[in-house]
N, C-alpha and C. Protein backbone atom coordinates (compact mmCIF):
# COMPACT_ATOMS: atom_id res chain seq x y z
N MET A 1 0.82 -1.18 0.00
CA MET A 1 0.00 0.00 0.00
C MET A 1 0.87 1.26 0.00
N GLU A 2 2.06 1.16 0.44
CA GLU A 2 2.98 2.31 0.45
C GLU A 2 3.32 2.68 -1.00
N ILE A 3 3.24 3.95 -1.30
CA ILE A 3 3.61 4.39 -2.64
C ILE A 3 4.99 5.03 -2.60
N PRO A 4 5.77 4.79 -3.66
CA PRO A 4 7.13 5.35 -3.70
C PRO A 4 7.10 6.88 -3.65
N ASP A 5 8.14 7.46 -3.10
CA ASP A 5 8.23 8.92 -3.01
C ASP A 5 8.10 9.58 -4.39
N SER A 6 8.65 8.90 -5.41
CA SER A 6 8.61 9.47 -6.76
C SER A 6 7.18 9.61 -7.29
N GLU A 7 6.23 8.85 -6.74
CA GLU A 7 4.83 8.91 -7.19
C GLU A 7 3.97 9.83 -6.34
N LYS A 8 4.43 10.20 -5.16
CA LYS A 8 3.57 10.94 -4.22
C LYS A 8 3.08 12.27 -4.78
N LYS A 9 3.92 12.99 -5.50
CA LYS A 9 3.52 14.27 -6.08
C LYS A 9 2.33 14.06 -7.02
N TYR A 10 2.39 13.02 -7.83
CA TYR A 10 1.33 12.75 -8.79
C TYR A 10 0.08 12.22 -8.10
N ALA A 11 0.27 11.42 -7.08
CA ALA A 11 -0.88 10.89 -6.32
C ALA A 11 -1.60 12.02 -5.60
N ARG A 12 -0.84 12.96 -5.02
CA ARG A 12 -1.46 14.13 -4.36
C ARG A 12 -2.25 14.96 -5.36
N ALA A 13 -1.68 15.15 -6.54
CA ALA A 13 -2.36 15.92 -7.58
C ALA A 13 -3.64 15.20 -8.02
N ALA A 14 -3.55 13.90 -8.22
CA ALA A 14 -4.74 13.13 -8.62
C ALA A 14 -5.81 13.21 -7.55
N LEU A 15 -5.42 13.07 -6.30
CA LEU A 15 -6.38 13.15 -5.21
C LEU A 15 -7.08 14.51 -5.19
N ALA A 16 -6.31 15.57 -5.34
CA ALA A 16 -6.90 16.92 -5.32
C ALA A 16 -7.88 17.12 -6.48
N VAL A 17 -7.50 16.67 -7.66
CA VAL A 17 -8.38 16.82 -8.83
C VAL A 17 -9.62 15.96 -8.68
N PHE A 18 -9.46 14.72 -8.24
CA PHE A 18 -10.62 13.84 -8.07
C PHE A 18 -11.58 14.39 -7.02
N GLN A 19 -11.06 14.96 -5.96
CA GLN A 19 -11.93 15.54 -4.93
C GLN A 19 -12.63 16.79 -5.44
N ARG A 20 -11.98 17.51 -6.31
CA ARG A 20 -12.55 18.76 -6.83
C ARG A 20 -13.64 18.50 -7.88
N TYR A 21 -13.35 17.60 -8.84
CA TYR A 21 -14.25 17.42 -9.98
C TYR A 21 -14.96 16.08 -10.01
N GLY A 22 -14.53 15.14 -9.19
CA GLY A 22 -15.05 13.79 -9.28
C GLY A 22 -14.15 12.96 -10.20
N VAL A 23 -14.14 11.67 -9.98
CA VAL A 23 -13.24 10.80 -10.74
C VAL A 23 -13.63 10.75 -12.21
N ARG A 24 -14.89 10.57 -12.49
CA ARG A 24 -15.32 10.39 -13.88
C ARG A 24 -15.13 11.65 -14.73
N LYS A 25 -15.27 12.83 -14.14
CA LYS A 25 -15.14 14.07 -14.91
C LYS A 25 -13.71 14.57 -15.00
N SER A 26 -12.83 14.07 -14.18
CA SER A 26 -11.44 14.52 -14.18
C SER A 26 -10.70 13.96 -15.39
N THR A 27 -9.70 14.71 -15.82
CA THR A 27 -8.88 14.26 -16.94
C THR A 27 -7.42 14.16 -16.51
N MET A 28 -6.68 13.39 -17.26
CA MET A 28 -5.24 13.28 -17.00
C MET A 28 -4.57 14.64 -17.22
N GLU A 29 -5.09 15.44 -18.14
CA GLU A 29 -4.55 16.77 -18.37
C GLU A 29 -4.69 17.64 -17.12
N GLU A 30 -5.83 17.56 -16.44
CA GLU A 30 -6.04 18.32 -15.20
C GLU A 30 -5.11 17.85 -14.09
N ILE A 31 -4.90 16.53 -14.02
CA ILE A 31 -3.99 15.99 -13.01
C ILE A 31 -2.56 16.45 -13.28
N ALA A 32 -2.15 16.41 -14.55
CA ALA A 32 -0.81 16.87 -14.91
C ALA A 32 -0.63 18.35 -14.56
N ALA A 33 -1.64 19.15 -14.87
CA ALA A 33 -1.56 20.59 -14.55
C ALA A 33 -1.46 20.80 -13.04
N GLU A 34 -2.24 20.05 -12.28
CA GLU A 34 -2.20 20.16 -10.81
C GLU A 34 -0.81 19.79 -10.28
N ALA A 35 -0.18 18.80 -10.91
CA ALA A 35 1.15 18.35 -10.48
C ALA A 35 2.25 19.26 -11.03
N GLY A 36 1.91 20.12 -11.99
CA GLY A 36 2.90 21.00 -12.57
C GLY A 36 3.84 20.30 -13.53
N VAL A 37 3.32 19.26 -14.21
CA VAL A 37 4.13 18.51 -15.16
C VAL A 37 3.36 18.37 -16.47
N SER A 38 4.04 17.90 -17.50
CA SER A 38 3.38 17.65 -18.78
C SER A 38 2.62 16.33 -18.71
N LYS A 39 1.67 16.17 -19.64
CA LYS A 39 0.93 14.90 -19.68
C LYS A 39 1.86 13.71 -19.91
N PRO A 40 2.83 13.80 -20.84
CA PRO A 40 3.72 12.65 -21.01
C PRO A 40 4.48 12.28 -19.73
N THR A 41 4.85 13.29 -18.95
CA THR A 41 5.54 13.01 -17.68
C THR A 41 4.61 12.26 -16.73
N LEU A 42 3.36 12.71 -16.64
CA LEU A 42 2.38 12.02 -15.79
C LEU A 42 2.15 10.60 -16.28
N TYR A 43 2.01 10.44 -17.61
CA TYR A 43 1.77 9.10 -18.18
C TYR A 43 2.94 8.15 -17.94
N ALA A 44 4.13 8.68 -17.72
CA ALA A 44 5.27 7.82 -17.42
C ALA A 44 5.10 7.14 -16.06
N THR A 45 4.32 7.76 -15.18
CA THR A 45 4.07 7.18 -13.85
C THR A 45 2.72 6.48 -13.81
N TYR A 46 1.69 7.13 -14.32
CA TYR A 46 0.33 6.57 -14.32
C TYR A 46 -0.15 6.47 -15.76
N ARG A 47 -0.32 5.26 -16.23
CA ARG A 47 -0.65 5.06 -17.64
C ARG A 47 -2.06 5.49 -18.01
N ASN A 48 -2.94 5.60 -17.00
CA ASN A 48 -4.32 6.02 -17.28
C ASN A 48 -4.96 6.54 -15.99
N LYS A 49 -6.19 6.98 -16.11
CA LYS A 49 -6.88 7.56 -14.96
C LYS A 49 -7.09 6.53 -13.86
N ASP A 50 -7.31 5.27 -14.21
CA ASP A 50 -7.47 4.23 -13.19
C ASP A 50 -6.18 4.05 -12.39
N ALA A 51 -5.04 4.12 -13.05
CA ALA A 51 -3.76 4.02 -12.33
C ALA A 51 -3.57 5.24 -11.42
N ALA A 52 -3.98 6.42 -11.89
CA ALA A 52 -3.90 7.62 -11.04
C ALA A 52 -4.84 7.49 -9.84
N LEU A 53 -6.03 6.93 -10.07
CA LEU A 53 -6.96 6.69 -8.96
C LEU A 53 -6.35 5.73 -7.95
N SER A 54 -5.66 4.72 -8.44
CA SER A 54 -4.98 3.77 -7.56
C SER A 54 -3.99 4.50 -6.65
N GLY A 55 -3.20 5.39 -7.22
CA GLY A 55 -2.25 6.16 -6.42
C GLY A 55 -2.94 7.04 -5.40
N ALA A 56 -4.04 7.68 -5.83
CA ALA A 56 -4.79 8.55 -4.91
C ALA A 56 -5.39 7.75 -3.76
N ILE A 57 -5.91 6.56 -4.06
CA ILE A 57 -6.49 5.70 -3.03
C ILE A 57 -5.41 5.29 -2.02
N CYS A 58 -4.29 4.82 -2.54
CA CYS A 58 -3.20 4.39 -1.64
C CYS A 58 -2.69 5.55 -0.78
N LEU A 59 -2.59 6.73 -1.38
CA LEU A 59 -2.13 7.90 -0.62
C LEU A 59 -3.12 8.27 0.48
N ALA A 60 -4.39 8.40 0.12
CA ALA A 60 -5.40 8.83 1.10
C ALA A 60 -5.62 7.79 2.19
N LYS A 61 -5.81 6.53 1.78
CA LYS A 61 -6.07 5.49 2.77
C LYS A 61 -4.82 5.20 3.60
N GLY A 62 -3.66 5.27 2.97
CA GLY A 62 -2.41 5.06 3.71
C GLY A 62 -2.20 6.12 4.78
N ALA A 63 -2.50 7.37 4.44
CA ALA A 63 -2.37 8.46 5.42
C ALA A 63 -3.38 8.28 6.55
N ALA A 64 -4.60 7.88 6.21
CA ALA A 64 -5.63 7.68 7.25
C ALA A 64 -5.24 6.53 8.18
N LEU A 65 -4.73 5.44 7.61
CA LEU A 65 -4.33 4.30 8.44
C LEU A 65 -3.13 4.67 9.31
N GLN A 66 -2.21 5.44 8.77
CA GLN A 66 -1.06 5.89 9.57
C GLN A 66 -1.54 6.77 10.73
N ASP A 67 -2.53 7.60 10.47
CA ASP A 67 -3.12 8.44 11.52
C ASP A 67 -3.74 7.57 12.61
N VAL A 68 -4.40 6.49 12.21
CA VAL A 68 -4.98 5.55 13.18
C VAL A 68 -3.88 4.93 14.04
N LEU A 69 -2.84 4.43 13.39
CA LEU A 69 -1.76 3.77 14.12
C LEU A 69 -1.08 4.72 15.10
N GLU A 70 -0.91 5.97 14.69
CA GLU A 70 -0.33 6.97 15.60
C GLU A 70 -1.27 7.26 16.76
N GLY A 71 -2.55 7.29 16.50
CA GLY A 71 -3.53 7.49 17.57
C GLY A 71 -3.53 6.35 18.57
N TRP A 72 -3.29 5.15 18.07
CA TRP A 72 -3.26 3.98 18.95
C TRP A 72 -2.10 4.03 19.93
N GLU A 73 -1.02 4.72 19.56
CA GLU A 73 0.13 4.82 20.46
C GLU A 73 -0.24 5.51 21.76
N GLN A 74 -1.26 6.35 21.73
CA GLN A 74 -1.69 7.10 22.92
C GLN A 74 -2.77 6.36 23.71
N LYS A 75 -3.32 5.30 23.16
CA LYS A 75 -4.45 4.60 23.80
C LYS A 75 -4.10 3.13 24.00
N ASN A 76 -4.49 2.60 25.15
CA ASN A 76 -4.17 1.21 25.46
C ASN A 76 -5.37 0.28 25.38
N THR A 77 -6.57 0.80 25.56
CA THR A 77 -7.72 -0.10 25.61
C THR A 77 -8.23 -0.40 24.21
N LEU A 78 -8.77 -1.59 24.05
CA LEU A 78 -9.35 -1.99 22.78
C LEU A 78 -10.50 -1.06 22.41
N SER A 79 -11.30 -0.70 23.38
CA SER A 79 -12.43 0.20 23.14
C SER A 79 -11.96 1.53 22.55
N ASP A 80 -10.94 2.12 23.14
CA ASP A 80 -10.41 3.39 22.64
C ASP A 80 -9.82 3.23 21.24
N ARG A 81 -9.14 2.13 21.00
CA ARG A 81 -8.52 1.91 19.69
C ARG A 81 -9.58 1.70 18.61
N LEU A 82 -10.65 1.00 18.94
CA LEU A 82 -11.74 0.84 17.97
C LEU A 82 -12.37 2.20 17.67
N ASP A 83 -12.53 3.02 18.70
CA ASP A 83 -13.07 4.37 18.48
C ASP A 83 -12.20 5.17 17.51
N ILE A 84 -10.90 5.09 17.68
CA ILE A 84 -9.98 5.81 16.79
C ILE A 84 -10.12 5.29 15.37
N PHE A 85 -10.15 3.98 15.18
CA PHE A 85 -10.30 3.39 13.84
C PHE A 85 -11.60 3.87 13.21
N MET A 86 -12.68 3.79 13.97
CA MET A 86 -13.99 4.16 13.42
C MET A 86 -14.05 5.66 13.11
N ASP A 87 -13.44 6.48 13.95
CA ASP A 87 -13.48 7.92 13.72
C ASP A 87 -12.61 8.33 12.54
N ARG A 88 -11.38 7.84 12.50
CA ARG A 88 -10.41 8.33 11.52
C ARG A 88 -10.47 7.63 10.17
N LEU A 89 -11.04 6.43 10.13
CA LEU A 89 -11.15 5.73 8.85
C LEU A 89 -12.60 5.63 8.38
N VAL A 90 -13.47 5.16 9.23
CA VAL A 90 -14.84 4.90 8.78
C VAL A 90 -15.65 6.20 8.69
N LEU A 91 -15.73 6.94 9.78
CA LEU A 91 -16.52 8.18 9.76
C LEU A 91 -15.89 9.24 8.85
N ALA A 92 -14.58 9.36 8.87
CA ALA A 92 -13.91 10.31 7.98
C ALA A 92 -14.13 9.92 6.52
N GLY A 93 -14.12 8.62 6.24
CA GLY A 93 -14.40 8.15 4.88
C GLY A 93 -15.83 8.45 4.46
N PHE A 94 -16.76 8.27 5.39
CA PHE A 94 -18.16 8.61 5.12
C PHE A 94 -18.28 10.10 4.77
N ASP A 95 -17.63 10.93 5.56
CA ASP A 95 -17.68 12.37 5.31
C ASP A 95 -17.12 12.70 3.92
N MET A 96 -16.00 12.07 3.55
CA MET A 96 -15.42 12.31 2.24
C MET A 96 -16.37 11.88 1.13
N LEU A 97 -17.00 10.72 1.31
CA LEU A 97 -17.92 10.22 0.29
C LEU A 97 -19.09 11.17 0.05
N HIS A 98 -19.47 11.90 1.08
CA HIS A 98 -20.63 12.78 0.95
C HIS A 98 -20.25 14.24 0.67
N GLN A 99 -18.97 14.53 0.59
CA GLN A 99 -18.53 15.90 0.31
C GLN A 99 -17.93 16.06 -1.08
N SER A 100 -17.42 15.00 -1.66
CA SER A 100 -16.75 15.09 -2.95
C SER A 100 -17.63 14.51 -4.04
N PRO A 101 -17.63 15.14 -5.21
CA PRO A 101 -18.41 14.58 -6.31
C PRO A 101 -17.83 13.24 -6.74
N ASP A 102 -18.68 12.28 -6.97
CA ASP A 102 -18.27 10.97 -7.50
C ASP A 102 -17.23 10.26 -6.63
N ALA A 103 -17.24 10.50 -5.34
CA ALA A 103 -16.24 9.91 -4.45
C ALA A 103 -16.43 8.41 -4.27
N THR A 104 -17.57 7.88 -4.69
CA THR A 104 -17.78 6.43 -4.55
C THR A 104 -16.75 5.64 -5.34
N ALA A 105 -16.11 6.24 -6.33
CA ALA A 105 -15.06 5.54 -7.08
C ALA A 105 -13.91 5.15 -6.16
N PHE A 106 -13.73 5.88 -5.05
CA PHE A 106 -12.70 5.53 -4.08
C PHE A 106 -13.06 4.24 -3.35
N GLU A 107 -14.32 3.86 -3.38
CA GLU A 107 -14.79 2.65 -2.71
C GLU A 107 -15.03 1.50 -3.68
N THR A 108 -15.48 1.83 -4.89
CA THR A 108 -15.89 0.79 -5.83
C THR A 108 -14.91 0.58 -6.97
N ALA A 109 -14.03 1.52 -7.22
CA ALA A 109 -12.98 1.43 -8.23
C ALA A 109 -13.52 1.63 -9.65
N LEU A 110 -12.59 1.86 -10.56
CA LEU A 110 -12.91 2.01 -11.98
C LEU A 110 -12.42 0.81 -12.77
N GLY A 111 -11.26 0.30 -12.41
CA GLY A 111 -10.65 -0.78 -13.16
C GLY A 111 -9.68 -1.58 -12.31
N GLU A 112 -8.82 -2.30 -12.99
CA GLU A 112 -7.92 -3.24 -12.31
C GLU A 112 -6.97 -2.57 -11.31
N PHE A 113 -6.37 -1.44 -11.69
CA PHE A 113 -5.42 -0.78 -10.80
C PHE A 113 -6.10 -0.31 -9.51
N SER A 114 -7.23 0.35 -9.67
CA SER A 114 -7.91 0.86 -8.47
C SER A 114 -8.52 -0.27 -7.65
N GLN A 115 -8.95 -1.35 -8.30
CA GLN A 115 -9.44 -2.52 -7.55
C GLN A 115 -8.32 -3.11 -6.71
N ASP A 116 -7.14 -3.20 -7.29
CA ASP A 116 -5.98 -3.72 -6.54
C ASP A 116 -5.63 -2.81 -5.36
N ALA A 117 -5.74 -1.50 -5.56
CA ALA A 117 -5.45 -0.55 -4.48
C ALA A 117 -6.45 -0.70 -3.35
N ILE A 118 -7.72 -0.85 -3.70
CA ILE A 118 -8.76 -1.02 -2.68
C ILE A 118 -8.53 -2.32 -1.91
N ALA A 119 -8.18 -3.39 -2.62
CA ALA A 119 -7.91 -4.67 -1.96
C ALA A 119 -6.71 -4.56 -1.02
N ALA A 120 -5.67 -3.86 -1.45
CA ALA A 120 -4.46 -3.71 -0.61
C ALA A 120 -4.77 -2.88 0.64
N THR A 121 -5.56 -1.83 0.49
CA THR A 121 -5.88 -1.01 1.66
C THR A 121 -6.78 -1.78 2.62
N HIS A 122 -7.70 -2.57 2.07
CA HIS A 122 -8.56 -3.39 2.93
C HIS A 122 -7.71 -4.38 3.73
N GLU A 123 -6.76 -5.01 3.06
CA GLU A 123 -5.88 -5.97 3.74
C GLU A 123 -5.07 -5.29 4.85
N ALA A 124 -4.58 -4.08 4.60
CA ALA A 124 -3.82 -3.35 5.61
C ALA A 124 -4.70 -2.99 6.81
N GLU A 125 -5.96 -2.63 6.54
CA GLU A 125 -6.89 -2.32 7.63
C GLU A 125 -7.17 -3.57 8.48
N VAL A 126 -7.39 -4.70 7.81
CA VAL A 126 -7.63 -5.96 8.54
C VAL A 126 -6.40 -6.33 9.36
N ASP A 127 -5.22 -6.19 8.78
CA ASP A 127 -3.99 -6.51 9.52
C ASP A 127 -3.84 -5.65 10.77
N ALA A 128 -4.16 -4.37 10.65
CA ALA A 128 -4.05 -3.46 11.80
C ALA A 128 -5.02 -3.87 12.90
N ILE A 129 -6.27 -4.14 12.54
CA ILE A 129 -7.27 -4.54 13.54
C ILE A 129 -6.92 -5.90 14.12
N SER A 130 -6.46 -6.80 13.28
CA SER A 130 -6.08 -8.14 13.76
C SER A 130 -5.01 -8.04 14.85
N ALA A 131 -4.07 -7.14 14.68
CA ALA A 131 -3.00 -6.98 15.67
C ALA A 131 -3.55 -6.57 17.03
N ILE A 132 -4.60 -5.75 17.06
CA ILE A 132 -5.14 -5.35 18.37
C ILE A 132 -6.11 -6.40 18.93
N PHE A 133 -6.60 -7.30 18.08
CA PHE A 133 -7.45 -8.39 18.57
C PHE A 133 -6.63 -9.58 19.05
N GLU A 134 -5.38 -9.64 18.66
CA GLU A 134 -4.50 -10.77 18.99
C GLU A 134 -4.47 -11.01 20.49
N GLY A 135 -4.69 -12.25 20.88
CA GLY A 135 -4.63 -12.63 22.28
C GLY A 135 -5.88 -12.37 23.09
N ALA A 136 -6.92 -11.82 22.47
CA ALA A 136 -8.17 -11.57 23.20
C ALA A 136 -8.77 -12.91 23.62
N GLN A 137 -9.18 -13.00 24.89
CA GLN A 137 -9.64 -14.28 25.43
C GLN A 137 -10.90 -14.80 24.74
N GLY A 138 -11.75 -13.94 24.24
CA GLY A 138 -12.99 -14.38 23.63
C GLY A 138 -12.83 -15.10 22.31
N LEU A 139 -11.69 -14.94 21.65
CA LEU A 139 -11.48 -15.59 20.36
C LEU A 139 -11.54 -17.11 20.48
N ASP A 140 -10.93 -17.66 21.51
CA ASP A 140 -10.96 -19.11 21.70
C ASP A 140 -12.39 -19.60 21.93
N GLU A 141 -13.16 -18.82 22.67
CA GLU A 141 -14.53 -19.21 22.98
C GLU A 141 -15.43 -19.24 21.74
N ILE A 142 -15.19 -18.35 20.80
CA ILE A 142 -16.02 -18.34 19.60
C ILE A 142 -15.39 -19.12 18.45
N GLY A 143 -14.20 -19.63 18.67
CA GLY A 143 -13.55 -20.47 17.67
C GLY A 143 -13.11 -19.73 16.42
N ARG A 144 -12.68 -18.50 16.57
CA ARG A 144 -12.23 -17.70 15.44
C ARG A 144 -10.85 -17.13 15.73
N SER A 145 -10.10 -16.90 14.65
CA SER A 145 -8.78 -16.28 14.80
C SER A 145 -8.93 -14.76 14.85
N ALA A 146 -7.86 -14.11 15.25
CA ALA A 146 -7.86 -12.64 15.26
C ALA A 146 -8.07 -12.10 13.84
N ASP A 147 -7.47 -12.76 12.84
CA ASP A 147 -7.65 -12.33 11.45
C ASP A 147 -9.10 -12.45 11.00
N GLU A 148 -9.75 -13.55 11.35
CA GLU A 148 -11.15 -13.74 10.96
C GLU A 148 -12.05 -12.70 11.61
N PHE A 149 -11.84 -12.46 12.89
CA PHE A 149 -12.66 -11.49 13.61
C PHE A 149 -12.39 -10.08 13.09
N ALA A 150 -11.13 -9.79 12.78
CA ALA A 150 -10.77 -8.47 12.23
C ALA A 150 -11.41 -8.28 10.85
N SER A 151 -11.39 -9.32 10.05
CA SER A 151 -12.01 -9.24 8.72
C SER A 151 -13.50 -8.96 8.84
N PHE A 152 -14.15 -9.62 9.79
CA PHE A 152 -15.58 -9.37 10.04
C PHE A 152 -15.81 -7.92 10.46
N PHE A 153 -15.00 -7.44 11.39
CA PHE A 153 -15.16 -6.07 11.88
C PHE A 153 -14.97 -5.05 10.77
N VAL A 154 -13.88 -5.17 10.02
CA VAL A 154 -13.59 -4.20 8.96
C VAL A 154 -14.67 -4.24 7.88
N ALA A 155 -15.05 -5.45 7.45
CA ALA A 155 -16.09 -5.56 6.42
C ALA A 155 -17.40 -4.95 6.90
N SER A 156 -17.76 -5.22 8.13
CA SER A 156 -19.01 -4.67 8.68
C SER A 156 -18.96 -3.15 8.75
N ALA A 157 -17.87 -2.61 9.25
CA ALA A 157 -17.75 -1.16 9.39
C ALA A 157 -17.73 -0.47 8.03
N MET A 158 -16.99 -1.02 7.09
CA MET A 158 -16.88 -0.38 5.77
C MET A 158 -18.18 -0.52 4.98
N ASN A 159 -18.86 -1.65 5.11
CA ASN A 159 -20.15 -1.80 4.44
C ASN A 159 -21.17 -0.84 5.03
N ALA A 160 -21.13 -0.65 6.33
CA ALA A 160 -22.03 0.32 6.97
C ALA A 160 -21.76 1.72 6.44
N LYS A 161 -20.49 2.03 6.22
CA LYS A 161 -20.12 3.35 5.69
C LYS A 161 -20.77 3.58 4.33
N ARG A 162 -20.80 2.54 3.51
CA ARG A 162 -21.38 2.67 2.18
C ARG A 162 -22.91 2.69 2.19
N GLN A 163 -23.51 2.01 3.18
CA GLN A 163 -24.96 1.87 3.20
C GLN A 163 -25.68 2.97 3.97
N ALA A 164 -25.03 3.55 4.95
CA ALA A 164 -25.69 4.55 5.81
C ALA A 164 -26.07 5.79 4.99
N LYS A 165 -27.24 6.28 5.28
CA LYS A 165 -27.71 7.48 4.58
C LYS A 165 -27.29 8.76 5.30
N THR A 166 -27.10 8.67 6.61
CA THR A 166 -26.68 9.84 7.38
C THR A 166 -25.53 9.45 8.30
N ARG A 167 -24.80 10.45 8.75
CA ARG A 167 -23.70 10.21 9.68
C ARG A 167 -24.25 9.66 11.00
N ALA A 168 -25.39 10.17 11.44
CA ALA A 168 -26.00 9.69 12.69
C ALA A 168 -26.35 8.21 12.59
N GLU A 169 -26.87 7.80 11.45
CA GLU A 169 -27.19 6.39 11.24
C GLU A 169 -25.93 5.54 11.30
N LEU A 170 -24.86 6.01 10.68
CA LEU A 170 -23.59 5.28 10.71
C LEU A 170 -23.03 5.22 12.13
N GLU A 171 -23.08 6.32 12.84
CA GLU A 171 -22.59 6.33 14.22
C GLU A 171 -23.34 5.33 15.09
N ALA A 172 -24.66 5.24 14.91
CA ALA A 172 -25.46 4.29 15.68
C ALA A 172 -25.07 2.86 15.34
N TYR A 173 -24.88 2.58 14.06
CA TYR A 173 -24.48 1.24 13.63
C TYR A 173 -23.11 0.89 14.22
N LEU A 174 -22.17 1.82 14.15
CA LEU A 174 -20.82 1.55 14.66
C LEU A 174 -20.81 1.33 16.17
N THR A 175 -21.69 2.00 16.88
CA THR A 175 -21.82 1.78 18.33
C THR A 175 -22.27 0.35 18.60
N ILE A 176 -23.24 -0.12 17.84
CA ILE A 176 -23.72 -1.50 17.99
C ILE A 176 -22.60 -2.48 17.63
N LEU A 177 -21.91 -2.22 16.53
CA LEU A 177 -20.82 -3.09 16.10
C LEU A 177 -19.72 -3.16 17.16
N LYS A 178 -19.33 -2.02 17.69
CA LYS A 178 -18.28 -1.98 18.71
C LYS A 178 -18.71 -2.76 19.96
N THR A 179 -19.94 -2.56 20.40
CA THR A 179 -20.45 -3.27 21.58
C THR A 179 -20.43 -4.77 21.34
N THR A 180 -20.84 -5.19 20.15
CA THR A 180 -20.86 -6.61 19.80
C THR A 180 -19.45 -7.19 19.80
N ILE A 181 -18.52 -6.46 19.22
CA ILE A 181 -17.12 -6.92 19.17
C ILE A 181 -16.55 -7.05 20.58
N LEU A 182 -16.74 -6.04 21.40
CA LEU A 182 -16.19 -6.07 22.76
C LEU A 182 -16.80 -7.20 23.58
N LYS A 183 -18.10 -7.43 23.43
CA LYS A 183 -18.74 -8.54 24.15
C LYS A 183 -18.23 -9.88 23.63
N GLY A 184 -18.07 -9.98 22.31
CA GLY A 184 -17.56 -11.21 21.71
C GLY A 184 -16.16 -11.55 22.16
N LEU A 185 -15.37 -10.53 22.43
CA LEU A 185 -14.00 -10.73 22.88
C LEU A 185 -13.87 -10.74 24.40
N ASN A 186 -15.01 -10.65 25.10
CA ASN A 186 -15.03 -10.62 26.57
C ASN A 186 -14.20 -9.48 27.14
N VAL A 187 -14.31 -8.32 26.53
CA VAL A 187 -13.56 -7.15 27.00
C VAL A 187 -14.50 -6.26 27.79
């Protein structure tokens, strides 16, 4: 999920353009202009708009996940860490989806490159949650691994983000999900 430093300038430009105009209406010419480079220079890094979307997804989701991990350094309880994940990734993602034109492309992808980026970010999110579930006493009782329980949590939270019509509805769902997870893990 980490993008090379040489691509970050272009990924930042793609992210800015996609947030401004929406993915479908944005052009590679606009991304190149935002990055301050020629189209051929941009095409040397991103062969098409889907590849640019992939870079933007990895940049945005990578920064959000890094923010979560840094927040976890200050918190020791599972409850607090789940709150940070839900606030900085799920709720912040919901807000972005409802503020930017055509932002659903960040969730559903356009093509192979962006699908791969979404899959990689999902895997990184599951790995992060799995690490904080590791060793929880309730896992043995329900017969599931930390990875399986983390996958359930992330899928549930992210699907709720896509389905909720309002932020309040999403917050209510996440409260139920968090309570269920903590009870399942006997925390």
